[in-house]
């Protein structure tokens, strides 16, 4: 079943009279059965800090991309007497 009302489009899959999936699109964002859409960035670059993408319980509209470590990246460490670049 497809229902259109203004900018809201709802599509339902029904098997044996029971709704098994429901997809709602609002202004280009999609939610399944009331699941909130992820609205953050989709491309990330590694860093020395842990990065957490707050996506738990949400639905993404595309794949999340983790960029490679930049080719000019060098980790500099100091142990108190020696500088090391790796």
Protein backbone atom coordinates (compact mmCIF):
# COMPACT_ATOMS: atom_id res chain seq x y z
CA UNK A 1 0.00 0.00 0.00
CA UNK A 2 1.34 3.45 -0.90
CA UNK A 3 -0.05 6.57 0.76
CA UNK A 4 1.00 10.07 -0.34
CA UNK A 5 0.14 13.18 1.64
CA UNK A 6 2.03 16.40 1.03
CA UNK A 7 5.74 15.70 1.48
CA UNK A 8 5.07 12.44 3.34
CA UNK A 9 5.05 9.10 1.50
CA UNK A 10 4.25 5.89 3.38
CA UNK A 11 4.62 2.46 1.82
CA UNK A 12 3.45 -0.69 3.62
CA UNK A 13 4.04 -4.35 2.79
CA UNK A 14 1.09 -6.49 3.82
CA UNK A 15 1.17 -10.30 4.06
CA UNK A 16 -2.00 -12.17 5.03
CA UNK A 17 -3.61 -8.90 6.15
CA UNK A 18 -0.73 -8.02 8.49
CA UNK A 19 1.66 -5.07 7.94
CA UNK A 20 5.17 -6.56 7.93
CA UNK A 21 7.17 -3.47 6.89
CA UNK A 22 6.41 0.21 6.76
CA UNK A 23 8.60 2.81 5.05
CA UNK A 24 7.98 6.53 5.48
CA UNK A 25 9.80 9.18 3.44
CA UNK A 26 9.72 12.79 4.62
CA UNK A 27 11.54 15.45 2.57
CA UNK A 28 13.97 12.83 1.22
CA UNK A 29 14.71 11.12 4.53
CA UNK A 30 13.51 7.60 5.15
CA UNK A 31 12.40 5.99 8.40
CA UNK A 32 11.31 2.38 8.90
CA UNK A 33 8.46 1.87 11.32
CA UNK A 34 9.25 5.01 13.32
CA UNK A 35 13.05 4.55 13.47
CA UNK A 36 14.80 7.92 13.58
CA UNK A 37 16.96 8.86 10.60
CA UNK A 38 20.70 9.50 11.13
CA UNK A 39 21.39 13.14 10.23
CA UNK A 40 25.15 13.39 10.78
CA UNK A 41 28.19 13.24 8.54
CA UNK A 42 28.83 10.18 6.38
CA UNK A 43 32.56 10.64 5.70
CA UNK A 44 35.27 10.51 8.37
CA UNK A 45 39.07 10.75 8.49
CA UNK A 46 41.06 8.77 11.07
CA UNK A 47 42.63 10.65 13.95
CA UNK A 48 44.61 9.83 17.07
CA UNK A 49 41.37 10.06 19.08
CA UNK A 50 38.62 7.44 19.19
CA UNK A 51 35.67 8.60 17.10
CA UNK A 52 32.17 7.38 17.88
CA UNK A 53 29.45 7.83 15.28
CA UNK A 54 26.18 8.23 17.19
CA UNK A 55 24.06 5.94 15.02
CA UNK A 56 22.69 3.40 17.54
CA UNK A 57 18.95 2.91 16.98
CA UNK A 58 18.98 5.09 13.86
CA UNK A 59 18.84 4.35 10.16
CA UNK A 60 21.43 5.70 7.72
CA UNK A 61 20.49 6.77 4.19
CA UNK A 62 23.90 5.79 2.78
CA UNK A 63 27.08 3.95 3.73
CA UNK A 64 29.51 5.57 6.17
CA UNK A 65 32.98 6.05 4.64
CA UNK A 66 36.19 6.02 6.68
CA UNK A 67 38.95 7.71 4.67
CA UNK A 68 42.48 6.22 4.67
CA UNK A 69 45.19 7.71 6.84
CA UNK A 70 46.57 10.69 4.85
CA UNK A 71 49.77 9.86 2.91
CA UNK A 72 51.64 12.73 4.60
CA UNK A 73 50.77 11.46 8.09
CA UNK A 74 53.65 10.76 10.46
CA UNK A 75 53.22 9.88 14.12
CA UNK A 76 55.74 11.76 16.25
CA UNK A 77 56.42 10.39 19.73
CA UNK A 78 58.72 11.60 22.52
CA UNK A 79 59.84 9.26 25.29
CA UNK A 80 61.71 11.94 27.24
CA UNK A 81 65.01 11.52 25.44
CA UNK A 82 64.28 10.43 21.85
CA UNK A 83 61.95 11.74 19.15
CA UNK A 84 60.58 9.00 16.88
CA UNK A 85 58.72 9.54 13.59
CA UNK A 86 56.81 6.52 12.35
